[in-house]
């Protein structure tokens, strides 16, 4: 009996911990609205935070409750560039949980970023963009939370996963490598007079290393020379760019910007609002950021579409709906687009990405259904927000109608329904891709005694393929290696179909191969599997030897 009681005494606290862990709300839960309560020492906290935002980088120290979990001595400040406005309580926030205690975190996160959704009456632009982008490349998580400061309800905000420690480690296996954000809040003093002016984060090459401080904020302890080398290779030796840049993910970033009209980005006027992180394989990785102005809320591409000789102007709704998928492809001042798309294969891959994003998310209306679900979830907290910029009526009309006589923020459905049709029929996007079929990996024969130490991958492609590639790796922290597959002689295939093979040496007896296949024909490219970012083909050498 005593042993039983002792066991129960030990077990009950363990069950309580397990129950708490089980029921704790995940920070970025998409089905519920979170709650953050801040206690700040100043009654006029918004004026104090304005001063800190305008005159320096200091933080106000206070206490924060995140979904009921209390953290003391945290740092709080307003953040944002275009999304920050003086004199408003409903500004974007940065909450630094480890401001005073290095080990203080919430579910591993040491920093919280809240977006006010400025110029987004729908309140769904950022969440919807990140959800779609996450299908094709690493993208921060985004959800909703209600914010209270000194017991005053400030409003419902977008809770954004901060692009730092836990995000970088999860996606790239490290977080201390060279790391930059395009665009700066404060222009540094004492820059060389030879620096190019107003180039922002375009990655034009500068011979003076100090010039990069004018356009990028370094988020790491080192790396200016790495960033300069990236821009030098991009501009002067573009054939080598895949040695220092993840080209495919960059093409995804640019394709997502174009389809979803994210013009407060590299693809718009100022080449801002994206991160570059150098992974352990020596490749810079792009990451989207600040998406509240996507879906045409910011309308300036950096040139005048009607008359290129005139200063740039905001695009009208029809121009946004019909924005060229090859925007900036011939613009030398946008080398990340110009130089990458000079390569014929990269150009086909980029256009294929645009077609896939459009077909999977917009042509069938999936984005509209998701946008309505997101709005329904925050309807009540939005209506209760006394600091909201837009009325409940504007919120409810914002998917289907342009809001604001001056700002003219397009309704997301009003914009994307016609854009989806425009892209679907665009001449650059109508070429028929080859179908990749009969993909197999050769195993050991039934009566063979010798073990296989090579992955032999076979595939067929139709519609007169020119070339077929296999991209492979042996763990998810490696960069993919590209190999041209060998065309096999086969006289019994239908006209236009070819068979390909590739032999990939296994590094160990228990090797696991991740791979995907790309085939190129005269007009476009095709991938197998389509969702190769999240779910590449996978095969174990041990299974082939059974």
Protein backbone atom coordinates (compact mmCIF):
# COMPACT_ATOMS: atom_id res chain seq x y z
CA UNK A 1 0.00 0.00 0.00
CA UNK A 2 2.83 2.41 0.90
CA UNK A 3 4.52 1.59 -2.40
CA UNK A 4 1.28 2.36 -4.24
CA UNK A 5 0.84 5.68 -2.45
CA UNK A 6 4.47 6.59 -3.17
CA UNK A 7 3.98 5.76 -6.83
CA UNK A 8 0.84 7.92 -6.98
CA UNK A 9 2.60 10.83 -5.29
CA UNK A 10 5.30 10.67 -7.96
CA UNK A 11 2.87 10.05 -10.82
CA UNK A 12 0.31 12.81 -10.11
CA UNK A 13 2.72 15.74 -10.72
CA UNK A 14 3.95 13.99 -13.87
CA UNK A 15 0.39 13.64 -15.13
CA UNK A 16 -0.24 17.30 -14.36
CA UNK A 17 2.83 18.34 -16.36
CA UNK A 18 1.82 16.05 -19.22
CA UNK A 19 -1.72 17.43 -19.18
CA UNK A 20 -0.45 21.03 -19.21
CA UNK A 21 1.91 20.22 -22.07
CA UNK A 22 -0.92 18.55 -23.93
CA UNK A 23 -3.40 21.39 -23.50
CA UNK A 24 -0.98 24.33 -23.88
CA UNK A 25 -1.98 26.40 -26.88
CA UNK A 26 0.69 26.27 -29.62
CA UNK A 27 1.95 29.81 -30.22
CA UNK A 28 0.97 29.73 -33.90
CA UNK A 29 -2.23 27.72 -33.64
CA UNK A 30 -4.34 28.42 -36.75
CA UNK A 31 -7.69 27.38 -35.32
CA UNK A 32 -7.85 29.67 -32.27
CA UNK A 33 -7.03 33.27 -31.44
CA UNK A 34 -4.27 33.75 -28.89
CA UNK A 35 -3.98 36.36 -26.14
CA UNK A 36 -1.04 38.54 -25.14
CA UNK A 37 -1.30 40.85 -22.11
CA UNK A 38 1.42 43.42 -21.45
CA UNK A 39 1.94 45.51 -18.34
CA UNK A 40 4.09 48.56 -19.10
CA UNK A 41 5.34 51.16 -16.57
CA UNK A 42 4.08 54.21 -18.49
CA UNK A 43 0.45 55.30 -18.73
CA UNK A 44 1.32 57.04 -22.00
CA UNK A 45 3.12 53.98 -23.26
CA UNK A 46 2.44 54.68 -26.93
CA UNK A 47 4.13 58.12 -26.72
CA UNK A 48 7.13 56.58 -24.99
CA UNK A 49 7.37 53.81 -27.58
CA UNK A 50 7.12 56.42 -30.35
CA UNK A 51 10.15 58.21 -28.91
CA UNK A 52 12.14 54.98 -28.72
CA UNK A 53 11.18 54.09 -32.29
CA UNK A 54 12.09 57.51 -33.70
CA UNK A 55 15.25 58.30 -31.73
CA UNK A 56 16.92 54.97 -31.10
CA UNK A 57 16.65 51.26 -30.61
CA UNK A 58 15.87 51.12 -26.89
CA UNK A 59 13.10 49.01 -25.36
CA UNK A 60 10.58 49.60 -22.60
CA UNK A 61 10.80 46.92 -19.90
CA UNK A 62 7.58 45.31 -18.74
CA UNK A 63 5.74 42.07 -18.00
CA UNK A 64 4.01 39.92 -20.60
CA UNK A 65 1.47 37.11 -20.38
CA UNK A 66 1.48 34.93 -23.51
CA UNK A 67 -1.61 32.71 -23.52
CA UNK A 68 -1.47 32.78 -19.71
CA UNK A 69 2.29 32.20 -19.36
CA UNK A 70 4.00 35.03 -17.46
CA UNK A 71 7.38 36.54 -18.39
CA UNK A 72 9.01 39.36 -16.44
CA UNK A 73 11.51 42.00 -17.56
CA UNK A 74 10.78 41.65 -21.25
CA UNK A 75 11.65 44.36 -23.78
CA UNK A 76 8.91 46.03 -25.84
CA UNK A 77 9.15 48.47 -28.75
CA UNK A 78 7.33 49.52 -31.89
CA UNK A 79 8.79 48.02 -35.05
CA UNK A 80 8.19 48.22 -38.78
CA UNK A 81 9.08 50.47 -41.67
CA UNK A 82 6.13 51.42 -43.87
CA UNK A 83 3.77 49.78 -41.35
CA UNK A 84 4.78 52.04 -38.43
CA UNK A 85 2.84 55.30 -37.85
CA UNK A 86 3.55 57.91 -35.18
CA UNK A 87 0.77 58.63 -32.69
CA UNK A 88 -1.05 55.33 -33.06
CA UNK A 89 -1.53 52.65 -30.43
CA UNK A 90 -2.19 50.04 -33.08
CA UNK A 91 1.37 49.77 -34.36
CA UNK A 92 3.47 46.67 -35.02
CA UNK A 93 5.28 45.42 -31.90
CA UNK A 94 8.45 43.56 -31.09
CA UNK A 95 8.44 41.75 -27.73
CA UNK A 96 11.84 40.47 -26.67
CA UNK A 97 11.32 37.81 -24.01
CA UNK A 98 15.06 37.36 -23.44
CA UNK A 99 15.73 41.09 -23.05
CA UNK A 100 16.97 40.64 -19.47
CA UNK A 101 17.21 36.85 -19.17
CA UNK A 102 19.02 35.10 -22.01
CA UNK A 103 17.23 31.80 -21.36
CA UNK A 104 13.68 33.20 -21.21
CA UNK A 105 11.49 31.97 -24.05
CA UNK A 106 7.98 30.84 -24.92
CA UNK A 107 7.91 27.41 -26.58
CA UNK A 108 11.46 28.07 -27.75
CA UNK A 109 10.76 31.56 -29.12
CA UNK A 110 12.74 34.41 -27.56
CA UNK A 111 11.09 37.15 -29.62
CA UNK A 112 7.48 37.85 -30.67
CA UNK A 113 6.59 39.99 -33.69
CA UNK A 114 3.09 41.45 -33.93
CA UNK A 115 1.82 42.97 -37.17
CA UNK A 116 -0.92 45.61 -37.14
CA UNK A 117 -2.00 44.75 -40.72
CA UNK A 118 -1.72 48.36 -41.83
CA UNK A 119 -3.39 48.94 -45.20
CA UNK A 120 -5.05 45.55 -45.01
CA UNK A 121 -8.75 45.96 -44.20
CA UNK A 122 -9.25 42.21 -44.69
CA UNK A 123 -6.70 41.26 -41.99
CA UNK A 124 -5.78 38.13 -43.98
CA UNK A 125 -3.01 39.20 -46.37
CA UNK A 126 -0.04 38.13 -44.25
CA UNK A 127 -1.53 34.89 -42.94
CA UNK A 128 -2.77 33.84 -46.38
CA UNK A 129 0.51 34.68 -48.11
CA UNK A 130 2.64 32.82 -45.56
CA UNK A 131 0.38 29.76 -45.71
CA UNK A 132 0.66 29.58 -49.50
CA UNK A 133 4.39 30.37 -49.54
CA UNK A 134 5.04 27.63 -46.97
CA UNK A 135 4.01 25.02 -49.54
CA UNK A 136 7.02 25.88 -51.68
CA UNK A 137 9.79 27.30 -49.47
CA UNK A 138 10.52 28.08 -45.80
CA UNK A 139 8.08 30.74 -44.67
CA UNK A 140 7.34 32.08 -41.16
CA UNK A 141 4.23 30.86 -39.39
CA UNK A 142 1.44 33.39 -38.89
CA UNK A 143 -1.66 33.34 -36.70
CA UNK A 144 -3.91 35.74 -34.76
CA UNK A 145 -3.71 37.09 -31.21
CA UNK A 146 -5.60 39.64 -29.14
CA UNK A 147 -3.36 42.26 -27.50
CA UNK A 148 -4.01 43.98 -24.17
CA UNK A 149 -1.74 46.66 -22.68
CA UNK A 150 -2.29 47.76 -19.07
CA UNK A 151 -5.68 45.99 -19.25
CA UNK A 152 -6.75 48.02 -22.29
CA UNK A 153 -7.75 45.99 -25.35
CA UNK A 154 -5.55 47.32 -28.15
CA UNK A 155 -6.84 45.04 -30.90
CA UNK A 156 -6.38 41.81 -32.82
CA UNK A 157 -2.93 41.43 -34.40
CA UNK A 158 -1.07 39.03 -36.67
CA UNK A 159 1.39 36.98 -34.62
CA UNK A 160 4.38 36.35 -36.91
CA UNK A 161 7.12 33.81 -36.37
CA UNK A 162 10.31 35.80 -35.95
CA UNK A 163 12.99 34.99 -38.54
CA UNK A 164 15.76 34.18 -36.11
CA UNK A 165 17.02 31.35 -33.87
CA UNK A 166 14.28 28.70 -33.84
CA UNK A 167 13.12 29.41 -37.42
CA UNK A 168 16.66 29.33 -38.83
CA UNK A 169 17.63 26.22 -36.88
CA UNK A 170 14.48 24.38 -37.92
CA UNK A 171 14.87 25.08 -41.63
CA UNK A 172 18.65 25.30 -42.06
CA UNK A 173 20.18 23.54 -39.06
CA UNK A 174 22.03 26.63 -37.77
CA UNK A 175 21.35 30.21 -36.66
CA UNK A 176 24.75 31.94 -36.28
CA UNK A 177 25.80 32.25 -39.94
CA UNK A 178 25.76 35.52 -41.96
CA UNK A 179 22.22 36.88 -41.89
CA UNK A 180 20.77 40.09 -43.38
CA UNK A 181 17.51 41.94 -43.80
CA UNK A 182 17.00 44.07 -46.91
CA UNK A 183 16.14 47.65 -45.93
CA UNK A 184 17.21 49.70 -42.91
CA UNK A 185 15.20 51.74 -40.42
CA UNK A 186 18.08 54.13 -39.75
CA UNK A 187 20.58 55.30 -42.36
CA UNK A 188 24.15 54.97 -41.00
CA UNK A 189 26.41 58.00 -40.93
CA UNK A 190 29.82 58.42 -42.51
CA UNK A 191 29.24 56.30 -45.61
CA UNK A 192 31.63 56.67 -48.55
CA UNK A 193 30.54 59.27 -51.11
CA UNK A 194 31.00 56.69 -53.85
CA UNK A 195 28.06 54.55 -52.67
CA UNK A 196 25.21 54.10 -55.13
CA UNK A 197 22.09 55.99 -54.08
CA UNK A 198 18.57 54.62 -53.58
CA UNK A 199 19.35 51.05 -54.61
CA UNK A 200 17.92 49.53 -51.39
CA UNK A 201 18.29 45.73 -51.25
CA UNK A 202 18.61 45.24 -55.00
CA UNK A 203 21.99 43.48 -54.62
CA UNK A 204 23.73 45.72 -57.12
CA UNK A 205 27.46 45.28 -56.65
CA UNK A 206 29.37 47.89 -54.59
CA UNK A 207 33.18 47.92 -54.56
CA UNK A 208 33.25 49.52 -51.11
CA UNK A 209 32.11 47.10 -48.42
CA UNK A 210 30.78 49.92 -46.22
CA UNK A 211 28.15 50.79 -48.83
CA UNK A 212 26.16 47.67 -48.00
CA UNK A 213 25.39 49.09 -44.55
CA UNK A 214 23.22 51.67 -46.31
CA UNK A 215 20.82 49.05 -47.66
CA UNK A 216 20.99 45.98 -45.44
CA UNK A 217 20.75 45.39 -41.72
CA UNK A 218 23.14 42.70 -40.49
CA UNK A 219 21.33 40.39 -38.05
CA UNK A 220 24.44 38.28 -37.32
CA UNK A 221 27.88 38.97 -35.86
CA UNK A 222 29.64 38.77 -39.21
CA UNK A 223 29.07 38.51 -42.92
CA UNK A 224 29.45 41.81 -44.82
CA UNK A 225 32.13 40.29 -47.06
CA UNK A 226 29.85 37.30 -47.77
CA UNK A 227 27.02 39.61 -48.84
CA UNK A 228 29.38 41.60 -51.07
CA UNK A 229 30.66 38.38 -52.66
CA UNK A 230 27.07 37.28 -53.34
CA UNK A 231 26.35 40.53 -55.17
CA UNK A 232 29.68 40.40 -57.03
CA UNK A 233 29.02 36.91 -58.38
CA UNK A 234 25.39 37.73 -59.15
CA UNK A 235 26.36 40.76 -61.23
CA UNK A 236 29.76 39.80 -62.66
CA UNK A 237 29.82 35.98 -62.77
CA UNK A 238 26.15 34.91 -62.93
CA UNK A 239 27.08 31.47 -64.30
CA UNK A 240 28.50 30.72 -60.80
CA UNK A 241 25.54 32.04 -58.82
CA UNK A 242 24.34 28.57 -57.77
CA UNK A 243 27.56 28.24 -55.73
CA UNK A 244 26.48 31.04 -53.32
CA UNK A 245 22.69 31.26 -53.68
CA UNK A 246 19.86 28.74 -53.48
CA UNK A 247 18.61 29.60 -56.95
CA UNK A 248 15.46 27.49 -56.89
CA UNK A 249 14.17 28.97 -53.63
CA UNK A 250 14.96 32.44 -54.94
CA UNK A 251 12.90 31.70 -58.05
CA UNK A 252 10.07 30.54 -55.76
CA UNK A 253 10.30 33.79 -53.77
CA UNK A 254 10.13 35.89 -56.93
CA UNK A 255 7.28 33.79 -58.37
CA UNK A 256 5.25 34.10 -55.15
CA UNK A 257 5.82 37.87 -55.13
CA UNK A 258 4.61 38.16 -58.70
CA UNK A 259 1.52 35.96 -58.47
CA UNK A 260 0.31 37.48 -55.19
CA UNK A 261 1.35 41.03 -56.15
CA UNK A 262 3.72 41.50 -53.23
CA UNK A 263 5.33 44.72 -54.45
CA UNK A 264 6.67 45.98 -51.13
CA UNK A 265 9.43 43.47 -51.78
CA UNK A 266 12.35 42.81 -54.09
CA UNK A 267 9.86 42.67 -56.96
CA UNK A 268 8.55 46.19 -56.37
CA UNK A 269 9.96 49.69 -56.30
CA UNK A 270 12.39 49.51 -53.38
CA UNK A 271 13.74 45.92 -53.17
CA UNK A 272 13.06 45.58 -49.43
CA UNK A 273 11.34 43.26 -46.94
CA UNK A 274 13.22 40.01 -47.40
CA UNK A 275 15.93 38.19 -45.47
CA UNK A 276 19.07 36.44 -46.69
CA UNK A 277 20.57 33.70 -44.51
CA UNK A 278 23.74 31.82 -45.46
CA UNK A 279 23.22 28.15 -44.67
CA UNK A 280 25.86 25.59 -43.71
CA UNK A 281 26.26 24.64 -47.38
CA UNK A 282 27.41 28.16 -48.27
CA UNK A 283 24.18 29.15 -50.03
CA UNK A 284 22.22 32.29 -49.20
CA UNK A 285 18.55 31.48 -48.57
CA UNK A 286 15.79 34.08 -49.15
CA UNK A 287 12.84 34.50 -46.75
CA UNK A 288 9.77 36.73 -47.23
CA UNK A 289 8.86 39.35 -44.61
CA UNK A 290 6.34 42.20 -44.03
CA UNK A 291 3.50 41.00 -46.23
CA UNK A 292 0.69 43.26 -45.05
CA UNK A 293 1.00 45.20 -48.33
CA UNK A 294 0.77 42.11 -50.55
CA UNK A 295 -2.17 41.43 -52.87
CA UNK A 296 -1.75 44.85 -54.42
CA UNK A 297 -2.00 47.00 -51.29
CA UNK A 298 1.35 48.53 -52.39
CA UNK A 299 1.17 49.22 -56.13
CA UNK A 300 4.49 50.66 -57.27
CA UNK A 301 6.81 48.52 -59.38
CA UNK A 302 9.49 51.18 -59.81
CA UNK A 303 8.60 52.22 -63.33
CA UNK A 304 5.71 53.84 -65.16
CA UNK A 305 3.90 51.11 -67.09
CA UNK A 306 2.13 53.60 -69.36
CA UNK A 307 5.19 55.73 -70.10
CA UNK A 308 8.63 54.46 -69.02
CA UNK A 309 10.09 57.95 -69.50
CA UNK A 310 7.93 59.31 -66.66
CA UNK A 311 8.41 58.82 -62.88
CA UNK A 312 6.99 55.58 -61.42
CA UNK A 313 3.37 55.66 -60.34
CA UNK A 314 0.90 53.39 -58.59
CA UNK A 315 -0.77 50.78 -60.78
CA UNK A 316 -4.51 50.76 -61.30
CA UNK A 317 -6.55 47.66 -60.48
CA UNK A 318 -6.57 46.40 -64.09
CA UNK A 319 -2.78 46.81 -64.31
CA UNK A 320 -2.35 44.80 -61.12
CA UNK A 321 -4.63 42.04 -62.40
CA UNK A 322 -2.57 41.87 -65.60
CA UNK A 323 0.90 42.39 -64.12
CA UNK A 324 3.54 40.85 -66.38
CA UNK A 325 4.82 37.54 -64.97
CA UNK A 326 8.23 38.58 -66.37
CA UNK A 327 8.24 41.93 -64.57
CA UNK A 328 11.85 43.26 -64.35
CA UNK A 329 13.23 40.43 -66.49
CA UNK A 330 15.06 43.05 -68.57
CA UNK A 331 15.82 45.47 -65.72
CA UNK A 332 19.57 45.64 -65.07
CA UNK A 333 18.86 47.41 -61.76
CA UNK A 334 17.11 44.27 -60.44
CA UNK A 335 19.95 41.75 -60.86
CA UNK A 336 18.29 39.05 -58.76
CA UNK A 337 15.57 38.89 -61.42
CA UNK A 338 17.50 39.99 -64.49
CA UNK A 339 20.56 37.79 -64.05
CA UNK A 340 18.68 34.67 -62.96
CA UNK A 341 16.15 34.87 -65.79
CA UNK A 342 18.87 35.35 -68.42
CA UNK A 343 19.49 31.63 -68.02
CA UNK A 344 16.92 29.83 -70.25
CA UNK A 345 16.42 26.94 -67.81
CA UNK A 346 15.96 29.25 -64.81
CA UNK A 347 13.43 31.24 -66.83
CA UNK A 348 11.42 28.10 -67.56
CA UNK A 349 11.60 27.00 -63.91
CA UNK A 350 10.43 30.43 -62.70
CA UNK A 351 7.47 30.43 -65.10
CA UNK A 352 6.64 26.85 -64.09
CA UNK A 353 6.58 27.97 -60.45
CA UNK A 354 4.19 30.79 -61.33
CA UNK A 355 1.90 28.34 -63.14
CA UNK A 356 1.95 25.90 -60.22
CA UNK A 357 1.21 28.57 -57.58
CA UNK A 358 -1.67 29.88 -59.66
CA UNK A 359 -3.13 26.47 -60.48
CA UNK A 360 -2.89 25.05 -56.96
CA UNK A 361 -4.19 28.07 -55.03
CA UNK A 362 -6.07 30.54 -57.18
CA UNK A 363 -7.63 29.00 -60.29
CA UNK A 364 -9.94 26.78 -58.23
CA UNK A 365 -10.71 29.44 -55.61
CA UNK A 366 -9.00 27.74 -52.64
CA UNK A 367 -7.53 31.07 -51.51
CA UNK A 368 -11.02 32.61 -51.28
CA UNK A 369 -12.36 29.81 -49.12
CA UNK A 370 -9.35 30.10 -46.81
CA UNK A 371 -9.61 33.90 -46.61
CA UNK A 372 -13.25 33.61 -45.52
CA UNK A 373 -12.32 31.04 -42.85
CA UNK A 374 -9.65 33.39 -41.47
CA UNK A 375 -12.00 36.35 -41.38
CA UNK A 376 -14.71 34.35 -39.64
CA UNK A 377 -12.25 33.38 -36.90
CA UNK A 378 -11.42 37.00 -36.01
CA UNK A 379 -14.78 38.66 -36.68
CA UNK A 380 -15.65 39.20 -33.00
CA UNK A 381 -12.23 40.45 -31.77
CA UNK A 382 -11.98 42.71 -34.84
CA UNK A 383 -15.38 44.26 -34.13
CA UNK A 384 -14.43 44.85 -30.46
CA UNK A 385 -11.23 46.69 -31.44
CA UNK A 386 -11.70 50.41 -30.65
CA UNK A 387 -8.37 51.27 -32.30
CA UNK A 388 -9.15 49.64 -35.65
CA UNK A 389 -8.53 51.74 -38.73
CA UNK A 390 -11.25 50.13 -40.82
CA UNK A 391 -14.91 49.67 -39.96
CA UNK A 392 -16.62 46.32 -39.61
CA UNK A 393 -18.42 47.01 -42.89
CA UNK A 394 -15.11 47.63 -44.70
CA UNK A 395 -13.66 44.47 -43.14
CA UNK A 396 -16.59 42.42 -44.42
CA UNK A 397 -16.47 43.96 -47.91
CA UNK A 398 -12.68 43.86 -48.21
CA UNK A 399 -12.44 40.54 -50.02
CA UNK A 400 -14.69 41.58 -52.89
CA UNK A 401 -14.40 45.37 -53.13
CA UNK A 402 -11.72 48.07 -53.25
CA UNK A 403 -11.53 49.86 -49.89
CA UNK A 404 -10.51 53.51 -49.51
CA UNK A 405 -11.01 56.34 -51.99
CA UNK A 406 -7.40 57.46 -51.67
CA UNK A 407 -5.50 54.29 -50.82
CA UNK A 408 -7.66 52.09 -53.08
CA UNK A 409 -6.76 48.76 -51.48
CA UNK A 410 -8.02 46.03 -53.83
CA UNK A 411 -10.40 43.38 -52.64
CA UNK A 412 -8.39 40.16 -52.62
CA UNK A 413 -10.99 38.19 -54.58
CA UNK A 414 -11.73 41.15 -56.85
CA UNK A 415 -8.00 41.22 -57.65
CA UNK A 416 -7.02 37.56 -57.75
CA UNK A 417 -10.01 36.06 -59.57
CA UNK A 418 -9.14 38.03 -62.71
CA UNK A 419 -5.40 37.70 -62.15
CA UNK A 420 -5.73 33.91 -61.96
CA UNK A 421 -7.53 33.89 -65.32
CA UNK A 422 -4.96 36.27 -66.82
CA UNK A 423 -2.05 34.08 -65.75
CA UNK A 424 -3.82 30.88 -66.80
CA UNK A 425 -4.03 32.10 -70.40
CA UNK A 426 -0.77 34.07 -70.56
CA UNK A 427 1.35 33.01 -73.59
CA UNK A 428 4.43 32.51 -71.38
CA UNK A 429 2.50 30.05 -69.20
CA UNK A 430 0.55 27.93 -71.67
CA UNK A 431 3.33 25.65 -72.96
CA UNK A 432 2.52 22.01 -72.16
CA UNK A 433 5.03 20.37 -69.80
CA UNK A 434 6.27 16.85 -70.24
CA UNK A 435 4.60 14.23 -68.07
CA UNK A 436 7.13 12.32 -65.96
CA UNK A 437 6.06 8.72 -65.43
CA UNK A 438 7.18 5.21 -64.50
CA UNK A 439 9.64 6.45 -61.89
CA UNK A 440 11.43 3.55 -60.23
CA UNK A 441 14.58 2.66 -58.34
CA UNK A 442 16.17 -0.66 -59.26
CA UNK A 443 16.48 -3.15 -56.42
CA UNK A 444 18.50 -6.34 -56.03
CA UNK A 445 17.27 -9.24 -58.15
CA UNK A 446 15.43 -12.10 -56.47
CA UNK A 447 18.28 -14.60 -56.72
CA UNK A 448 21.22 -12.18 -56.67
CA UNK A 449 23.66 -12.45 -53.76
CA UNK A 450 25.68 -9.28 -54.32
CA UNK A 451 24.43 -6.24 -52.43
CA UNK A 452 23.54 -3.08 -54.32
CA UNK A 453 25.58 0.01 -53.45
CA UNK A 454 24.15 2.31 -56.13
CA UNK A 455 20.74 3.92 -56.49
CA UNK A 456 19.71 3.38 -60.13
CA UNK A 457 16.76 5.68 -60.83
CA UNK A 458 14.65 5.26 -63.99
CA UNK A 459 11.96 7.56 -65.40
CA UNK A 460 10.09 8.32 -68.61
CA UNK A 461 9.08 11.71 -70.00
CA UNK A 462 6.84 12.53 -72.96
CA UNK A 463 6.31 15.56 -75.25
CA UNK A 464 9.82 15.45 -76.70
CA UNK A 465 11.95 16.25 -73.66
CA UNK A 466 15.29 17.92 -74.35
CA UNK A 467 16.99 17.07 -71.07
CA UNK A 468 16.10 15.50 -67.73
CA UNK A 469 17.76 16.16 -64.36
CA UNK A 470 17.71 14.37 -61.04
CA UNK A 471 18.33 16.41 -57.88
CA UNK A 472 19.43 14.32 -54.91
CA UNK A 473 20.74 14.49 -51.34
CA UNK A 474 21.36 12.06 -48.48
CA UNK A 475 19.98 14.15 -45.61
CA UNK A 476 17.72 17.16 -45.38
CA UNK A 477 20.55 19.47 -44.29
CA UNK A 478 22.46 18.91 -47.51
CA UNK A 479 22.01 20.98 -50.63
CA UNK A 480 20.61 19.04 -53.55
CA UNK A 481 23.15 17.91 -56.14
CA UNK A 482 22.00 18.13 -59.77
CA UNK A 483 22.82 15.37 -62.24
CA UNK A 484 21.86 15.11 -65.90
CA UNK A 485 20.09 11.79 -66.42
CA UNK A 486 21.24 9.52 -69.26
CA UNK A 487 18.88 8.91 -72.15
CA UNK A 488 18.33 5.18 -72.62
CA UNK A 489 17.98 3.53 -76.03
CA UNK A 490 14.45 2.19 -76.38
CA UNK A 491 12.71 1.57 -79.68
CA UNK A 492 9.33 0.53 -78.28
CA UNK A 493 8.39 3.86 -76.71
CA UNK A 494 5.63 6.05 -78.19
CA UNK A 495 6.68 8.98 -80.37
CA UNK A 496 7.97 11.86 -78.28
CA UNK A 497 8.62 9.76 -75.16
CA UNK A 498 12.08 9.05 -73.80
CA UNK A 499 13.47 6.93 -70.99
CA UNK A 500 16.17 8.19 -68.64
CA UNK A 501 18.39 6.71 -65.96
CA UNK A 502 20.82 7.92 -63.31
CA UNK A 503 23.26 6.00 -61.13
CA UNK A 504 23.93 7.58 -57.74
CA UNK A 505 26.61 6.05 -55.54
CA UNK A 506 25.45 5.42 -51.95
CA UNK A 507 27.82 6.85 -49.32
CA UNK A 508 26.93 4.20 -46.70
CA UNK A 509 25.13 0.88 -46.45
CA UNK A 510 22.20 2.51 -44.64
CA UNK A 511 21.95 5.53 -46.97
CA UNK A 512 18.57 7.16 -47.57
CA UNK A 513 18.17 9.02 -50.86
CA UNK A 514 15.92 12.08 -51.22
CA UNK A 515 15.37 13.06 -54.84
CA UNK A 516 13.16 14.78 -57.36
CA UNK A 517 13.19 14.93 -61.14
CA UNK A 518 12.97 17.85 -63.56
CA UNK A 519 12.46 17.44 -67.28
CA UNK A 520 12.77 20.22 -69.84
CA UNK A 521 11.11 20.38 -73.22
CA UNK A 522 11.13 23.18 -75.80
CA UNK A 523 8.54 25.26 -73.97
CA UNK A 524 8.69 24.61 -70.23
CA UNK A 525 9.73 22.24 -67.44
CA UNK A 526 7.96 19.71 -65.24
CA UNK A 527 8.75 18.40 -61.76
CA UNK A 528 8.09 15.09 -60.05
CA UNK A 529 6.89 15.14 -57.40
CA UNK A 530 5.20 18.54 -57.65
CA UNK A 531 5.55 19.00 -53.88
CA UNK A 532 9.28 18.29 -53.94
CA UNK A 533 10.04 20.96 -51.33
CA UNK A 534 8.08 19.25 -48.56
CA UNK A 535 7.87 15.67 -49.84
CA UNK A 536 10.65 14.59 -52.21
CA UNK A 537 10.85 10.97 -53.30
CA UNK A 538 12.62 8.91 -50.65
CA UNK A 539 14.23 5.47 -50.88
CA UNK A 540 16.37 3.44 -48.47
CA UNK A 541 19.30 1.42 -49.76
CA UNK A 542 18.49 -1.29 -47.20
CA UNK A 543 15.04 -1.74 -48.79
CA UNK A 544 16.61 -2.21 -52.23
CA UNK A 545 18.81 -4.99 -50.83
CA UNK A 546 15.99 -7.02 -49.30
